[in-house]
PDB file of all heavy atoms in Angstrom:
ATOM      1  N   ARG A   1      -0.260   7.754  13.449  1.00  0.00           N
ATOM      2  CA  ARG A   1       0.532   6.600  13.765  1.00  0.00           C
ATOM      3  C   ARG A   1       0.141   6.083  15.162  1.00  0.00           C
ATOM      4  O   ARG A   1       0.088   4.862  15.348  1.00  0.00           O
ATOM      5  CB  ARG A   1       1.998   6.881  13.740  1.00  0.00           C
ATOM      6  CG  ARG A   1       2.506   7.030  12.292  1.00  0.00           C
ATOM      7  CD  ARG A   1       4.016   7.258  12.295  1.00  0.00           C
ATOM      8  NE  ARG A   1       4.111   8.753  12.520  1.00  0.00           N
ATOM      9  CZ  ARG A   1       5.238   9.354  12.594  1.00  0.00           C
ATOM     10  NH1 ARG A   1       6.394   8.673  12.674  1.00  0.00           N
ATOM     11  NH2 ARG A   1       5.387  10.615  12.831  1.00  0.00           N
ATOM     12  N   LEU A   2      -0.202   7.032  16.084  1.00  0.00           N
ATOM     13  CA  LEU A   2      -0.578   6.542  17.454  1.00  0.00           C
ATOM     14  C   LEU A   2      -2.008   5.912  17.385  1.00  0.00           C
ATOM     15  O   LEU A   2      -2.206   4.903  18.083  1.00  0.00           O
ATOM     16  CB  LEU A   2      -0.475   7.742  18.354  1.00  0.00           C
ATOM     17  CG  LEU A   2       0.852   8.291  18.703  1.00  0.00           C
ATOM     18  CD1 LEU A   2       0.678   9.553  19.604  1.00  0.00           C
ATOM     19  CD2 LEU A   2       1.705   7.277  19.307  1.00  0.00           C
ATOM     20  N   VAL A   3      -2.830   6.346  16.537  1.00  0.00           N
ATOM     21  CA  VAL A   3      -4.183   5.790  16.520  1.00  0.00           C
ATOM     22  C   VAL A   3      -4.132   4.372  15.899  1.00  0.00           C
ATOM     23  O   VAL A   3      -4.675   3.464  16.448  1.00  0.00           O
ATOM     24  CB  VAL A   3      -5.152   6.700  15.622  1.00  0.00           C
ATOM     25  CG1 VAL A   3      -6.399   5.929  15.290  1.00  0.00           C
ATOM     26  CG2 VAL A   3      -5.343   7.988  16.284  1.00  0.00           C
ATOM     27  N   GLY A   4      -3.247   4.210  14.967  1.00  0.00           N
ATOM     28  CA  GLY A   4      -3.037   2.903  14.359  1.00  0.00           C
ATOM     29  C   GLY A   4      -2.436   1.938  15.307  1.00  0.00           C
ATOM     30  O   GLY A   4      -2.758   0.756  15.401  1.00  0.00           O
ATOM     31  N   LEU A   5      -1.475   2.455  16.219  1.00  0.00           N
ATOM     32  CA  LEU A   5      -0.915   1.651  17.294  1.00  0.00           C
ATOM     33  C   LEU A   5      -1.937   1.043  18.175  1.00  0.00           C
ATOM     34  O   LEU A   5      -1.934  -0.113  18.508  1.00  0.00           O
ATOM     35  CB  LEU A   5       0.097   2.459  18.150  1.00  0.00           C
ATOM     36  CG  LEU A   5       0.605   1.840  19.400  1.00  0.00           C
ATOM     37  CD1 LEU A   5       1.358   0.604  19.090  1.00  0.00           C
ATOM     38  CD2 LEU A   5       1.398   2.843  20.146  1.00  0.00           C
ATOM     39  N   GLY A   6      -2.867   1.944  18.620  1.00  0.00           N
ATOM     40  CA  GLY A   6      -3.929   1.479  19.427  1.00  0.00           C
ATOM     41  C   GLY A   6      -4.713   0.342  18.874  1.00  0.00           C
ATOM     42  O   GLY A   6      -5.074  -0.611  19.520  1.00  0.00           O
ATOM     43  N   ALA A   7      -5.074   0.406  17.552  1.00  0.00           N
ATOM     44  CA  ALA A   7      -5.840  -0.652  16.918  1.00  0.00           C
ATOM     45  C   ALA A   7      -5.013  -1.942  16.855  1.00  0.00           C
ATOM     46  O   ALA A   7      -5.591  -2.988  17.193  1.00  0.00           O
ATOM     47  CB  ALA A   7      -6.184  -0.166  15.482  1.00  0.00           C
ATOM     48  N   LEU A   8      -3.713  -1.775  16.555  1.00  0.00           N
ATOM     49  CA  LEU A   8      -2.894  -3.030  16.630  1.00  0.00           C
ATOM     50  C   LEU A   8      -2.769  -3.648  17.900  1.00  0.00           C
ATOM     51  O   LEU A   8      -2.861  -4.827  18.083  1.00  0.00           O
ATOM     52  CB  LEU A   8      -1.534  -2.692  16.023  1.00  0.00           C
ATOM     53  CG  LEU A   8      -1.280  -2.461  14.560  1.00  0.00           C
ATOM     54  CD1 LEU A   8       0.070  -1.968  14.258  1.00  0.00           C
ATOM     55  CD2 LEU A   8      -1.634  -3.687  13.774  1.00  0.00           C
ATOM     56  N   LEU A   9      -2.644  -2.831  19.011  1.00  0.00           N
ATOM     57  CA  LEU A   9      -2.415  -3.430  20.354  1.00  0.00           C
ATOM     58  C   LEU A   9      -3.753  -4.010  20.851  1.00  0.00           C
ATOM     59  O   LEU A   9      -3.750  -5.021  21.500  1.00  0.00           O
ATOM     60  CB  LEU A   9      -2.002  -2.314  21.256  1.00  0.00           C
ATOM     61  CG  LEU A   9      -0.503  -1.750  20.911  1.00  0.00           C
ATOM     62  CD1 LEU A   9      -0.141  -0.641  21.811  1.00  0.00           C
ATOM     63  CD2 LEU A   9       0.446  -2.904  21.097  1.00  0.00           C
ATOM     64  N   ILE A  10      -4.877  -3.382  20.511  1.00  0.00           N
ATOM     65  CA  ILE A  10      -6.194  -3.866  20.909  1.00  0.00           C
ATOM     66  C   ILE A  10      -6.418  -5.236  20.230  1.00  0.00           C
ATOM     67  O   ILE A  10      -6.787  -6.199  20.787  1.00  0.00           O
ATOM     68  CB  ILE A  10      -7.264  -2.961  20.719  1.00  0.00           C
ATOM     69  CG1 ILE A  10      -7.091  -1.675  21.713  1.00  0.00           C
ATOM     70  CG2 ILE A  10      -8.720  -3.637  21.022  1.00  0.00           C
ATOM     71  CD1 ILE A  10      -6.928  -2.014  23.195  1.00  0.00           C
ATOM     72  N   ALA A  11      -6.126  -5.207  18.927  1.00  0.00           N
ATOM     73  CA  ALA A  11      -6.319  -6.479  18.146  1.00  0.00           C
ATOM     74  C   ALA A  11      -5.439  -7.570  18.765  1.00  0.00           C
ATOM     75  O   ALA A  11      -5.758  -8.685  18.870  1.00  0.00           O
ATOM     76  CB  ALA A  11      -5.881  -6.244  16.723  1.00  0.00           C
ATOM     77  N   GLN A  12      -4.241  -7.198  19.265  1.00  0.00           N
ATOM     78  CA  GLN A  12      -3.332  -8.231  19.811  1.00  0.00           C
ATOM     79  C   GLN A  12      -3.916  -8.728  21.134  1.00  0.00           C
ATOM     80  O   GLN A  12      -3.689  -9.844  21.504  1.00  0.00           O
ATOM     81  CB  GLN A  12      -2.032  -7.591  20.134  1.00  0.00           C
ATOM     82  CG  GLN A  12      -0.994  -8.613  20.729  1.00  0.00           C
ATOM     83  CD  GLN A  12       0.364  -7.992  20.915  1.00  0.00           C
ATOM     84  OE1 GLN A  12       0.637  -6.966  20.337  1.00  0.00           O
ATOM     85  NE2 GLN A  12       1.158  -8.625  21.703  1.00  0.00           N
ATOM     86  N   ALA A  13      -4.796  -7.968  21.883  1.00  0.00           N
ATOM     87  CA  ALA A  13      -5.286  -8.356  23.148  1.00  0.00           C
ATOM     88  C   ALA A  13      -6.357  -9.466  22.959  1.00  0.00           C
ATOM     89  O   ALA A  13      -6.699 -10.139  24.007  1.00  0.00           O
ATOM     90  CB  ALA A  13      -5.855  -7.154  23.868  1.00  0.00           C
ATOM     91  N   VAL A  14      -6.805  -9.597  21.706  1.00  0.00           N
ATOM     92  CA  VAL A  14      -7.834 -10.656  21.499  1.00  0.00           C
ATOM     93  C   VAL A  14      -7.089 -11.851  21.036  1.00  0.00           C
ATOM     94  O   VAL A  14      -6.491 -11.896  19.941  1.00  0.00           O
ATOM     95  CB  VAL A  14      -8.919 -10.168  20.419  1.00  0.00           C
ATOM     96  CG1 VAL A  14      -9.931 -11.267  20.116  1.00  0.00           C
ATOM     97  CG2 VAL A  14      -9.550  -8.915  20.952  1.00  0.00           C
ATOM     98  N   PRO A  15      -7.127 -12.945  21.698  1.00  0.00           N
ATOM     99  CA  PRO A  15      -6.332 -14.100  21.356  1.00  0.00           C
ATOM    100  C   PRO A  15      -6.806 -14.724  19.966  1.00  0.00           C
ATOM    101  O   PRO A  15      -7.953 -14.708  19.657  1.00  0.00           O
ATOM    102  CB  PRO A  15      -6.635 -15.186  22.459  1.00  0.00           C
ATOM    103  CG  PRO A  15      -7.090 -14.411  23.616  1.00  0.00           C
ATOM    104  CD  PRO A  15      -7.805 -13.158  23.071  1.00  0.00           C
ATOM    105  N   LEU A  16      -5.831 -15.109  19.204  1.00  0.00           N
ATOM    106  CA  LEU A  16      -6.100 -15.750  17.898  1.00  0.00           C
ATOM    107  C   LEU A  16      -5.330 -16.997  17.855  1.00  0.00           C
ATOM    108  O   LEU A  16      -4.123 -17.051  17.972  1.00  0.00           O
ATOM    109  CB  LEU A  16      -5.542 -14.861  16.734  1.00  0.00           C
ATOM    110  CG  LEU A  16      -5.592 -15.366  15.294  1.00  0.00           C
ATOM    111  CD1 LEU A  16      -7.118 -15.559  14.926  1.00  0.00           C
ATOM    112  CD2 LEU A  16      -4.914 -14.505  14.382  1.00  0.00           C
ATOM    113  N   ALA A  17      -6.085 -18.058  17.781  1.00  0.00           N
ATOM    114  CA  ALA A  17      -5.476 -19.496  17.872  1.00  0.00           C
ATOM    115  C   ALA A  17      -4.603 -19.583  16.588  1.00  0.00           C
ATOM    116  O   ALA A  17      -4.883 -19.173  15.505  1.00  0.00           O
ATOM    117  CB  ALA A  17      -6.533 -20.520  17.827  1.00  0.00           C
ATOM    118  N   ALA A  18      -3.397 -20.238  16.829  1.00  0.00           N
ATOM    119  CA  ALA A  18      -2.452 -20.378  15.762  1.00  0.00           C
ATOM    120  C   ALA A  18      -3.078 -21.066  14.523  1.00  0.00           C
ATOM    121  O   ALA A  18      -2.816 -20.808  13.369  1.00  0.00           O
ATOM    122  CB  ALA A  18      -1.267 -21.088  16.180  1.00  0.00           C
ATOM    123  N   GLN A  19      -3.949 -22.030  14.827  1.00  0.00           N
ATOM    124  CA  GLN A  19      -4.536 -22.743  13.668  1.00  0.00           C
ATOM    125  C   GLN A  19      -5.520 -21.910  12.888  1.00  0.00           C
ATOM    126  O   GLN A  19      -5.881 -22.290  11.799  1.00  0.00           O
ATOM    127  CB  GLN A  19      -5.286 -24.089  14.186  1.00  0.00           C
ATOM    128  CG  GLN A  19      -6.313 -23.832  15.257  1.00  0.00           C
ATOM    129  CD  GLN A  19      -5.791 -24.025  16.593  1.00  0.00           C
ATOM    130  OE1 GLN A  19      -4.654 -23.516  16.937  1.00  0.00           O
ATOM    131  NE2 GLN A  19      -6.529 -24.614  17.554  1.00  0.00           N
ATOM    132  N   GLN A  20      -5.856 -20.688  13.320  1.00  0.00           N
ATOM    133  CA  GLN A  20      -6.679 -19.799  12.551  1.00  0.00           C
ATOM    134  C   GLN A  20      -5.926 -19.021  11.475  1.00  0.00           C
ATOM    135  O   GLN A  20      -6.484 -18.462  10.539  1.00  0.00           O
ATOM    136  CB  GLN A  20      -7.399 -18.778  13.469  1.00  0.00           C
ATOM    137  CG  GLN A  20      -8.458 -19.496  14.282  1.00  0.00           C
ATOM    138  CD  GLN A  20      -9.093 -18.428  15.267  1.00  0.00           C
ATOM    139  OE1 GLN A  20      -8.376 -17.601  15.852  1.00  0.00           O
ATOM    140  NE2 GLN A  20     -10.367 -18.473  15.413  1.00  0.00           N
ATOM    141  N   ILE A  21      -4.631 -19.041  11.582  1.00  0.00           N
ATOM    142  CA  ILE A  21      -3.770 -18.340  10.643  1.00  0.00           C
ATOM    143  C   ILE A  21      -3.561 -19.340   9.436  1.00  0.00           C
ATOM    144  O   ILE A  21      -3.064 -20.445   9.665  1.00  0.00           O
ATOM    145  CB  ILE A  21      -2.425 -18.035  11.178  1.00  0.00           C
ATOM    146  CG1 ILE A  21      -2.487 -17.086  12.432  1.00  0.00           C
ATOM    147  CG2 ILE A  21      -1.498 -17.354  10.137  1.00  0.00           C
ATOM    148  CD1 ILE A  21      -1.290 -16.766  13.111  1.00  0.00           C
ATOM    149  N   PRO A  22      -4.116 -18.970   8.316  1.00  0.00           N
ATOM    150  CA  PRO A  22      -3.984 -19.942   7.113  1.00  0.00           C
ATOM    151  C   PRO A  22      -2.528 -20.169   6.832  1.00  0.00           C
ATOM    152  O   PRO A  22      -1.628 -19.249   6.951  1.00  0.00           O
ATOM    153  CB  PRO A  22      -4.606 -19.105   5.919  1.00  0.00           C
ATOM    154  CG  PRO A  22      -5.527 -18.088   6.605  1.00  0.00           C
ATOM    155  CD  PRO A  22      -4.839 -17.833   7.948  1.00  0.00           C
ATOM    156  N   ALA A  23      -2.209 -21.430   6.471  1.00  0.00           N
ATOM    157  CA  ALA A  23      -0.813 -21.848   6.224  1.00  0.00           C
ATOM    158  C   ALA A  23      -0.144 -20.960   5.139  1.00  0.00           C
ATOM    159  O   ALA A  23       1.037 -20.658   5.294  1.00  0.00           O
ATOM    160  CB  ALA A  23      -0.796 -23.334   5.822  1.00  0.00           C
ATOM    161  N   ALA A  24      -0.928 -20.421   4.249  1.00  0.00           N
ATOM    162  CA  ALA A  24      -0.412 -19.660   3.138  1.00  0.00           C
ATOM    163  C   ALA A  24       0.116 -18.321   3.671  1.00  0.00           C
ATOM    164  O   ALA A  24       0.961 -17.614   3.103  1.00  0.00           O
ATOM    165  CB  ALA A  24      -1.392 -19.434   2.035  1.00  0.00           C
ATOM    166  N   GLU A  25      -0.469 -17.775   4.860  1.00  0.00           N
ATOM    167  CA  GLU A  25      -0.007 -16.621   5.413  1.00  0.00           C
ATOM    168  C   GLU A  25       1.115 -16.744   6.481  1.00  0.00           C
ATOM    169  O   GLU A  25       1.607 -15.717   6.853  1.00  0.00           O
ATOM    170  CB  GLU A  25      -1.258 -15.911   6.112  1.00  0.00           C
ATOM    171  CG  GLU A  25      -2.322 -15.461   5.044  1.00  0.00           C
ATOM    172  CD  GLU A  25      -3.504 -14.933   5.756  1.00  0.00           C
ATOM    173  OE1 GLU A  25      -3.328 -14.326   6.887  1.00  0.00           O
ATOM    174  OE2 GLU A  25      -4.640 -14.995   5.169  1.00  0.00           O
ATOM    175  N   LEU A  26       1.425 -17.895   6.768  1.00  0.00           N
ATOM    176  CA  LEU A  26       2.581 -18.063   7.707  1.00  0.00           C
ATOM    177  C   LEU A  26       3.934 -17.893   6.968  1.00  0.00           C
ATOM    178  O   LEU A  26       4.044 -18.203   5.735  1.00  0.00           O
ATOM    179  CB  LEU A  26       2.574 -19.488   8.325  1.00  0.00           C
ATOM    180  CG  LEU A  26       1.437 -19.760   9.300  1.00  0.00           C
ATOM    181  CD1 LEU A  26       1.440 -21.260   9.696  1.00  0.00           C
ATOM    182  CD2 LEU A  26       1.619 -18.866  10.461  1.00  0.00           C
ATOM    183  N   PRO A  27       4.919 -17.304   7.621  1.00  0.00           N
ATOM    184  CA  PRO A  27       6.148 -16.975   6.922  1.00  0.00           C
ATOM    185  C   PRO A  27       6.845 -18.370   6.578  1.00  0.00           C
ATOM    186  O   PRO A  27       6.693 -19.418   7.275  1.00  0.00           O
ATOM    187  CB  PRO A  27       6.985 -16.219   7.949  1.00  0.00           C
ATOM    188  CG  PRO A  27       6.383 -16.463   9.267  1.00  0.00           C
ATOM    189  CD  PRO A  27       4.863 -16.769   8.972  1.00  0.00           C
ATOM    190  N   ALA A  28       7.675 -18.222   5.566  1.00  0.00           N
ATOM    191  CA  ALA A  28       8.493 -19.401   5.172  1.00  0.00           C
ATOM    192  C   ALA A  28       9.508 -19.692   6.229  1.00  0.00           C
ATOM    193  O   ALA A  28       9.935 -18.837   7.034  1.00  0.00           O
ATOM    194  CB  ALA A  28       9.206 -19.219   3.808  1.00  0.00           C
ATOM    195  N   SER A  29       9.941 -20.924   6.351  1.00  0.00           N
ATOM    196  CA  SER A  29      10.965 -21.335   7.326  1.00  0.00           C
ATOM    197  C   SER A  29      12.116 -20.428   7.168  1.00  0.00           C
ATOM    198  O   SER A  29      12.673 -20.192   6.126  1.00  0.00           O
ATOM    199  CB  SER A  29      11.333 -22.809   7.080  1.00  0.00           C
ATOM    200  OG  SER A  29      12.254 -23.144   8.080  1.00  0.00           O
ATOM    201  N   GLY A  30      12.642 -19.994   8.317  1.00  0.00           N
ATOM    202  CA  GLY A  30      13.827 -19.162   8.404  1.00  0.00           C
ATOM    203  C   GLY A  30      13.572 -17.737   8.138  1.00  0.00           C
ATOM    204  O   GLY A  30      14.511 -16.937   8.171  1.00  0.00           O
ATOM    205  N   THR A  31      12.345 -17.267   7.992  1.00  0.00           N
ATOM    206  CA  THR A  31      12.007 -15.825   7.865  1.00  0.00           C
ATOM    207  C   THR A  31      11.593 -15.351   9.239  1.00  0.00           C
ATOM    208  O   THR A  31      11.348 -16.059  10.124  1.00  0.00           O
ATOM    209  CB  THR A  31      11.003 -15.625   6.707  1.00  0.00           C
ATOM    210  OG1 THR A  31       9.802 -16.249   7.040  1.00  0.00           O
ATOM    211  CG2 THR A  31      11.508 -16.126   5.403  1.00  0.00           C
ATOM    212  N   ASP A  32      11.161 -14.002   9.230  1.00  0.00           N
ATOM    213  CA  ASP A  32      10.688 -13.305  10.458  1.00  0.00           C
ATOM    214  C   ASP A  32       9.405 -13.876  10.954  1.00  0.00           C
ATOM    215  O   ASP A  32       8.411 -13.891  10.292  1.00  0.00           O
ATOM    216  CB  ASP A  32      10.579 -11.819  10.097  1.00  0.00           C
ATOM    217  CG  ASP A  32      10.364 -11.029  11.379  1.00  0.00           C
ATOM    218  OD1 ASP A  32      10.157 -11.626  12.420  1.00  0.00           O
ATOM    219  OD2 ASP A  32      10.391  -9.847  11.280  1.00  0.00           O
ATOM    220  N   THR A  33       9.480 -14.458  12.151  1.00  0.00           N
ATOM    221  CA  THR A  33       8.262 -15.049  12.857  1.00  0.00           C
ATOM    222  C   THR A  33       7.919 -14.249  14.057  1.00  0.00           C
ATOM    223  O   THR A  33       7.018 -14.608  14.812  1.00  0.00           O
ATOM    224  CB  THR A  33       8.676 -16.446  13.183  1.00  0.00           C
ATOM    225  OG1 THR A  33       9.625 -16.489  14.266  1.00  0.00           O
ATOM    226  CG2 THR A  33       8.967 -17.284  12.143  1.00  0.00           C
ATOM    227  N   GLY A  34       8.655 -13.155  14.327  1.00  0.00           N
ATOM    228  CA  GLY A  34       8.409 -12.381  15.479  1.00  0.00           C
ATOM    229  C   GLY A  34       9.307 -12.766  16.687  1.00  0.00           C
ATOM    230  O   GLY A  34       9.569 -11.884  17.518  1.00  0.00           O
ATOM    231  N   LEU A  35       9.724 -14.015  16.781  1.00  0.00           N
ATOM    232  CA  LEU A  35      10.667 -14.333  17.706  1.00  0.00           C
ATOM    233  C   LEU A  35      12.088 -14.083  17.337  1.00  0.00           C
ATOM    234  O   LEU A  35      12.977 -13.983  18.182  1.00  0.00           O
ATOM    235  CB  LEU A  35      10.462 -15.832  18.119  1.00  0.00           C
ATOM    236  CG  LEU A  35       9.231 -16.289  18.782  1.00  0.00           C
ATOM    237  CD1 LEU A  35       9.198 -17.716  19.158  1.00  0.00           C
ATOM    238  CD2 LEU A  35       8.915 -15.386  20.081  1.00  0.00           C
ATOM    239  N   GLU A  36      12.307 -13.960  16.054  1.00  0.00           N
ATOM    240  CA  GLU A  36      13.629 -13.675  15.524  1.00  0.00           C
ATOM    241  C   GLU A  36      13.382 -12.661  14.429  1.00  0.00           C
ATOM    242  O   GLU A  36      12.358 -12.671  13.757  1.00  0.00           O
ATOM    243  CB  GLU A  36      14.344 -14.881  15.024  1.00  0.00           C
ATOM    244  CG  GLU A  36      14.629 -15.937  16.054  1.00  0.00           C
ATOM    245  CD  GLU A  36      15.216 -17.181  15.546  1.00  0.00           C
ATOM    246  OE1 GLU A  36      15.293 -17.278  14.277  1.00  0.00           O
ATOM    247  OE2 GLU A  36      15.694 -17.977  16.358  1.00  0.00           O
ATOM    248  N   GLY A  37      14.406 -11.770  14.240  1.00  0.00           N
ATOM    249  CA  GLY A  37      14.262 -10.844  13.107  1.00  0.00           C
ATOM    250  C   GLY A  37      14.881  -9.457  13.513  1.00  0.00           C
ATOM    251  O   GLY A  37      15.300  -9.350  14.674  1.00  0.00           O
ATOM    252  N   LYS A  38      14.840  -8.566  12.659  1.00  0.00           N
ATOM    253  CA  LYS A  38      15.387  -7.232  12.875  1.00  0.00           C
ATOM    254  C   LYS A  38      14.349  -6.413  13.647  1.00  0.00           C
ATOM    255  O   LYS A  38      13.174  -6.433  13.386  1.00  0.00           O
ATOM    256  CB  LYS A  38      15.708  -6.588  11.500  1.00  0.00           C
ATOM    257  CG  LYS A  38      16.436  -5.265  11.667  1.00  0.00           C
ATOM    258  CD  LYS A  38      16.709  -4.681  10.302  1.00  0.00           C
ATOM    259  CE  LYS A  38      17.331  -3.280  10.567  1.00  0.00           C
ATOM    260  NZ  LYS A  38      17.458  -2.540   9.273  1.00  0.00           N
ATOM    261  N   TYR A  39      14.824  -5.632  14.692  1.00  0.00           N
ATOM    262  CA  TYR A  39      13.997  -4.697  15.373  1.00  0.00           C
ATOM    263  C   TYR A  39      13.689  -3.489  14.505  1.00  0.00           C
ATOM    264  O   TYR A  39      14.556  -2.884  13.810  1.00  0.00           O
ATOM    265  CB  TYR A  39      14.706  -4.266  16.603  1.00  0.00           C
ATOM    266  CG  TYR A  39      13.888  -3.253  17.457  1.00  0.00           C
ATOM    267  CD1 TYR A  39      12.884  -3.769  18.354  1.00  0.00           C
ATOM    268  CD2 TYR A  39      14.074  -1.984  17.461  1.00  0.00           C
ATOM    269  CE1 TYR A  39      12.075  -2.959  19.079  1.00  0.00           C
ATOM    270  CE2 TYR A  39      13.389  -1.048  18.244  1.00  0.00           C
ATOM    271  CZ  TYR A  39      12.329  -1.609  19.027  1.00  0.00           C
ATOM    272  OH  TYR A  39      11.616  -0.722  19.752  1.00  0.00           O
ATOM    273  N   ASP A  40      12.360  -3.147  14.493  1.00  0.00           N
ATOM    274  CA  ASP A  40      11.864  -1.962  13.722  1.00  0.00           C
ATOM    275  C   ASP A  40      11.807  -0.816  14.726  1.00  0.00           C
ATOM    276  O   ASP A  40      10.847  -0.732  15.478  1.00  0.00           O
ATOM    277  CB  ASP A  40      10.551  -2.330  13.087  1.00  0.00           C
ATOM    278  CG  ASP A  40       9.960  -1.087  12.321  1.00  0.00           C
ATOM    279  OD1 ASP A  40      10.675  -0.169  12.148  1.00  0.00           O
ATOM    280  OD2 ASP A  40       8.791  -1.261  11.941  1.00  0.00           O
ATOM    281  N   ALA A  41      12.744   0.200  14.594  1.00  0.00           N
ATOM    282  CA  ALA A  41      12.674   1.337  15.463  1.00  0.00           C
ATOM    283  C   ALA A  41      11.525   2.229  15.256  1.00  0.00           C
ATOM    284  O   ALA A  41      11.285   3.225  15.961  1.00  0.00           O
ATOM    285  CB  ALA A  41      14.009   2.036  15.423  1.00  0.00           C
TER     286      ALA A  41
END
């Protein structure tokens, strides 16, 4: 789990322009966008 964390955090350090996320992969309105949602402990 810690090795996977490192990969996720490093991937996050590389900027990804919002327009690179295909519209089909964006969450539907009112769903979890990262700014709102349930905390995953």
